[in-house]
């Protein structure tokens, strides 16, 4: 396992974990309440977070490999398999 911190100028904390058979991206969206959803469309993970202040959308580009994404406890996890 080779963890890496990812910083791209957004207000989120992200870390990449490299394993022999997959790469895992863990992104703390900073939300503890509200509705969240994630969809993977054409190599992009699209996250929609609904809070009392309004709706926020984030997009994360994914590698060309097969990806699976889910959100649990405000953390977006993207699993990428070669």
N, C-alpha and C. Protein backbone atom coordinates (compact mmCIF):
# COMPACT_ATOMS: atom_id res chain seq x y z
N UNK A 1 0.85 -1.18 0.00
CA UNK A 1 0.00 0.00 0.00
C UNK A 1 0.88 1.22 0.00
N UNK A 2 0.53 2.17 -0.83
CA UNK A 2 1.28 3.40 -0.95
C UNK A 2 0.31 4.58 -0.87
N UNK A 3 0.05 5.15 0.33
CA UNK A 3 -0.91 6.25 0.43
C UNK A 3 -0.30 7.57 -0.06
N UNK A 4 -1.12 8.39 -0.69
CA UNK A 4 -0.70 9.71 -1.16
C UNK A 4 -1.80 10.71 -0.84
N UNK A 5 -1.41 11.88 -0.32
CA UNK A 5 -2.37 12.95 -0.10
C UNK A 5 -2.55 13.70 -1.42
N UNK A 6 -3.79 14.02 -1.74
CA UNK A 6 -4.09 14.70 -2.99
C UNK A 6 -4.63 16.09 -2.66
N UNK A 7 -4.06 17.13 -3.25
CA UNK A 7 -4.55 18.49 -3.05
C UNK A 7 -4.72 19.12 -4.42
N UNK A 8 -5.95 19.52 -4.73
CA UNK A 8 -6.18 20.13 -6.04
C UNK A 8 -6.85 21.50 -5.92
N UNK A 9 -6.77 22.14 -4.75
CA UNK A 9 -7.32 23.47 -4.58
C UNK A 9 -8.76 23.50 -4.12
N UNK A 10 -9.40 22.36 -3.98
CA UNK A 10 -10.78 22.31 -3.48
C UNK A 10 -10.77 22.24 -1.96
N UNK A 11 -11.92 22.45 -1.36
CA UNK A 11 -12.04 22.38 0.09
C UNK A 11 -12.37 20.96 0.54
N UNK A 12 -11.67 19.99 0.02
CA UNK A 12 -11.88 18.60 0.41
C UNK A 12 -10.52 17.97 0.71
N UNK A 13 -10.53 16.96 1.56
CA UNK A 13 -9.32 16.20 1.86
C UNK A 13 -9.41 14.89 1.09
N UNK A 14 -8.38 14.56 0.36
CA UNK A 14 -8.39 13.34 -0.44
C UNK A 14 -7.09 12.58 -0.25
N UNK A 15 -7.22 11.26 -0.31
CA UNK A 15 -6.05 10.41 -0.20
C UNK A 15 -6.19 9.26 -1.19
N UNK A 16 -5.09 8.89 -1.82
CA UNK A 16 -5.06 7.79 -2.79
C UNK A 16 -4.25 6.65 -2.18
N UNK A 17 -4.83 5.44 -2.27
CA UNK A 17 -4.15 4.23 -1.80
C UNK A 17 -3.91 3.31 -2.99
N UNK A 18 -2.66 2.95 -3.20
CA UNK A 18 -2.29 2.06 -4.30
C UNK A 18 -2.09 0.65 -3.75
N UNK A 19 -2.88 -0.30 -4.24
CA UNK A 19 -2.74 -1.71 -3.89
C UNK A 19 -2.31 -2.47 -5.14
N UNK A 20 -1.95 -3.74 -4.99
CA UNK A 20 -1.53 -4.54 -6.13
C UNK A 20 -2.62 -4.69 -7.17
N UNK A 21 -3.88 -4.84 -6.71
CA UNK A 21 -4.97 -5.13 -7.64
C UNK A 21 -5.97 -4.00 -7.83
N UNK A 22 -5.79 -2.87 -7.13
CA UNK A 22 -6.71 -1.74 -7.32
C UNK A 22 -6.14 -0.48 -6.71
N UNK A 23 -6.72 0.64 -7.09
CA UNK A 23 -6.44 1.94 -6.51
C UNK A 23 -7.70 2.42 -5.82
N UNK A 24 -7.57 2.95 -4.61
CA UNK A 24 -8.71 3.44 -3.86
C UNK A 24 -8.49 4.92 -3.58
N UNK A 25 -9.48 5.74 -3.94
CA UNK A 25 -9.46 7.16 -3.63
C UNK A 25 -10.49 7.41 -2.54
N UNK A 26 -10.07 8.04 -1.44
CA UNK A 26 -10.97 8.37 -0.35
C UNK A 26 -11.01 9.89 -0.24
N UNK A 27 -12.20 10.47 -0.38
CA UNK A 27 -12.35 11.92 -0.42
C UNK A 27 -13.36 12.33 0.64
N UNK A 28 -12.90 13.10 1.63
CA UNK A 28 -13.79 13.59 2.68
C UNK A 28 -14.49 14.82 2.15
N UNK A 29 -15.80 14.70 1.96
CA UNK A 29 -16.57 15.80 1.38
C UNK A 29 -16.94 16.86 2.41
N UNK A 30 -16.68 16.59 3.67
CA UNK A 30 -16.95 17.58 4.70
C UNK A 30 -18.42 17.76 5.01
N UNK A 31 -19.22 16.75 4.75
CA UNK A 31 -20.65 16.83 5.06
C UNK A 31 -20.99 15.76 6.09
N UNK A 32 -21.82 16.12 7.04
CA UNK A 32 -22.27 15.15 8.03
C UNK A 32 -23.77 14.99 7.99
N UNK A 33 -24.45 15.91 7.32
CA UNK A 33 -25.90 15.80 7.22
C UNK A 33 -26.32 16.14 5.80
N UNK A 34 -27.55 15.88 5.49
CA UNK A 34 -28.04 16.15 4.15
C UNK A 34 -27.98 14.93 3.27
N UNK A 35 -28.52 15.05 2.12
CA UNK A 35 -28.56 13.96 1.15
C UNK A 35 -27.36 14.03 0.23
N UNK A 36 -26.74 12.90 -0.02
CA UNK A 36 -25.63 12.83 -0.96
C UNK A 36 -25.88 11.70 -1.95
N UNK A 37 -25.39 11.90 -3.16
CA UNK A 37 -25.48 10.85 -4.17
C UNK A 37 -24.25 10.93 -5.06
N UNK A 38 -23.90 9.81 -5.66
CA UNK A 38 -22.76 9.77 -6.57
C UNK A 38 -23.11 8.88 -7.75
N UNK A 39 -22.71 9.32 -8.94
CA UNK A 39 -22.85 8.54 -10.16
C UNK A 39 -21.54 8.62 -10.92
N UNK A 40 -21.20 7.54 -11.61
CA UNK A 40 -20.03 7.53 -12.48
C UNK A 40 -20.53 7.56 -13.90
N UNK A 41 -20.17 8.63 -14.64
CA UNK A 41 -20.62 8.83 -16.01
C UNK A 41 -19.42 9.20 -16.87
N UNK A 42 -19.14 8.38 -17.88
CA UNK A 42 -18.08 8.66 -18.84
C UNK A 42 -16.76 9.07 -18.19
N UNK A 43 -16.32 8.30 -17.20
CA UNK A 43 -15.03 8.57 -16.58
C UNK A 43 -15.01 9.70 -15.58
N UNK A 44 -16.18 10.14 -15.13
CA UNK A 44 -16.28 11.22 -14.15
C UNK A 44 -17.22 10.79 -13.03
N UNK A 45 -16.76 10.95 -11.78
CA UNK A 45 -17.63 10.73 -10.63
C UNK A 45 -18.32 12.05 -10.33
N UNK A 46 -19.64 12.06 -10.39
CA UNK A 46 -20.43 13.27 -10.14
C UNK A 46 -21.11 13.11 -8.79
N UNK A 47 -20.79 14.00 -7.87
CA UNK A 47 -21.31 13.95 -6.51
C UNK A 47 -22.23 15.14 -6.29
N UNK A 48 -23.42 14.86 -5.79
CA UNK A 48 -24.38 15.91 -5.46
C UNK A 48 -24.64 15.84 -3.96
N UNK A 49 -24.44 16.97 -3.28
CA UNK A 49 -24.66 17.07 -1.84
C UNK A 49 -25.74 18.12 -1.61
N UNK A 50 -26.81 17.71 -0.94
CA UNK A 50 -27.88 18.65 -0.60
C UNK A 50 -27.78 18.97 0.88
N UNK A 51 -27.61 20.26 1.20
CA UNK A 51 -27.51 20.73 2.57
C UNK A 51 -28.58 21.79 2.79
N UNK A 52 -28.79 22.21 4.03
CA UNK A 52 -29.75 23.28 4.28
C UNK A 52 -29.41 24.57 3.54
N UNK A 53 -28.13 24.78 3.24
CA UNK A 53 -27.70 25.98 2.51
C UNK A 53 -27.94 25.88 1.01
N UNK A 54 -28.23 24.70 0.51
CA UNK A 54 -28.46 24.51 -0.92
C UNK A 54 -27.71 23.30 -1.45
N UNK A 55 -27.78 23.13 -2.76
CA UNK A 55 -27.17 21.98 -3.42
C UNK A 55 -25.76 22.32 -3.87
N UNK A 56 -24.85 21.37 -3.71
CA UNK A 56 -23.46 21.53 -4.15
C UNK A 56 -23.10 20.33 -5.01
N UNK A 57 -22.42 20.57 -6.11
CA UNK A 57 -22.01 19.49 -7.00
C UNK A 57 -20.50 19.51 -7.16
N UNK A 58 -19.89 18.34 -7.06
CA UNK A 58 -18.45 18.17 -7.27
C UNK A 58 -18.26 17.12 -8.35
N UNK A 59 -17.22 17.29 -9.16
CA UNK A 59 -16.89 16.31 -10.18
C UNK A 59 -15.44 15.90 -10.04
N UNK A 60 -15.18 14.60 -10.15
CA UNK A 60 -13.83 14.07 -10.03
C UNK A 60 -13.54 13.20 -11.25
N UNK A 61 -12.49 13.56 -11.99
CA UNK A 61 -12.09 12.78 -13.16
C UNK A 61 -11.48 11.46 -12.69
N UNK A 62 -11.85 10.39 -13.38
CA UNK A 62 -11.37 9.06 -13.04
C UNK A 62 -10.48 8.52 -14.13
N UNK A 63 -9.60 7.58 -13.78
CA UNK A 63 -8.80 6.93 -14.82
C UNK A 63 -9.71 6.15 -15.77
N UNK A 64 -9.16 5.69 -16.87
CA UNK A 64 -9.94 4.98 -17.88
C UNK A 64 -10.38 3.58 -17.45
N UNK A 65 -9.84 3.06 -16.36
CA UNK A 65 -10.19 1.72 -15.92
C UNK A 65 -11.60 1.69 -15.33
N UNK A 66 -12.06 0.49 -14.99
CA UNK A 66 -13.37 0.31 -14.38
C UNK A 66 -13.37 0.92 -12.98
N UNK A 67 -14.41 1.70 -12.65
CA UNK A 67 -14.48 2.36 -11.34
C UNK A 67 -15.83 2.12 -10.69
N UNK A 68 -15.79 2.05 -9.37
CA UNK A 68 -17.00 1.91 -8.56
C UNK A 68 -16.93 2.99 -7.50
N UNK A 69 -18.03 3.71 -7.27
CA UNK A 69 -18.02 4.81 -6.31
C UNK A 69 -19.20 4.70 -5.36
N UNK A 70 -18.96 5.07 -4.10
CA UNK A 70 -20.03 5.09 -3.11
C UNK A 70 -19.67 6.10 -2.02
N UNK A 71 -20.69 6.54 -1.28
CA UNK A 71 -20.50 7.50 -0.19
C UNK A 71 -20.99 6.88 1.10
N UNK A 72 -20.17 7.01 2.15
CA UNK A 72 -20.55 6.53 3.47
C UNK A 72 -19.99 7.51 4.50
N UNK A 73 -20.86 8.02 5.37
CA UNK A 73 -20.46 8.95 6.43
C UNK A 73 -19.73 10.18 5.90
N UNK A 74 -20.17 10.69 4.77
CA UNK A 74 -19.57 11.89 4.20
C UNK A 74 -18.26 11.68 3.47
N UNK A 75 -17.84 10.42 3.32
CA UNK A 75 -16.59 10.12 2.62
C UNK A 75 -16.92 9.42 1.30
N UNK A 76 -16.49 10.02 0.21
CA UNK A 76 -16.63 9.43 -1.11
C UNK A 76 -15.47 8.46 -1.32
N UNK A 77 -15.79 7.21 -1.64
CA UNK A 77 -14.76 6.21 -1.92
C UNK A 77 -14.92 5.77 -3.36
N UNK A 78 -13.81 5.82 -4.10
CA UNK A 78 -13.79 5.38 -5.49
C UNK A 78 -12.77 4.27 -5.60
N UNK A 79 -13.22 3.09 -6.04
CA UNK A 79 -12.36 1.94 -6.23
C UNK A 79 -12.13 1.75 -7.73
N UNK A 80 -10.89 1.74 -8.13
CA UNK A 80 -10.54 1.62 -9.54
C UNK A 80 -9.75 0.33 -9.75
N UNK A 81 -10.25 -0.52 -10.64
CA UNK A 81 -9.58 -1.78 -10.97
C UNK A 81 -9.05 -1.72 -12.39
N UNK A 82 -7.84 -2.25 -12.60
CA UNK A 82 -7.28 -2.23 -13.96
C UNK A 82 -8.01 -3.17 -14.89
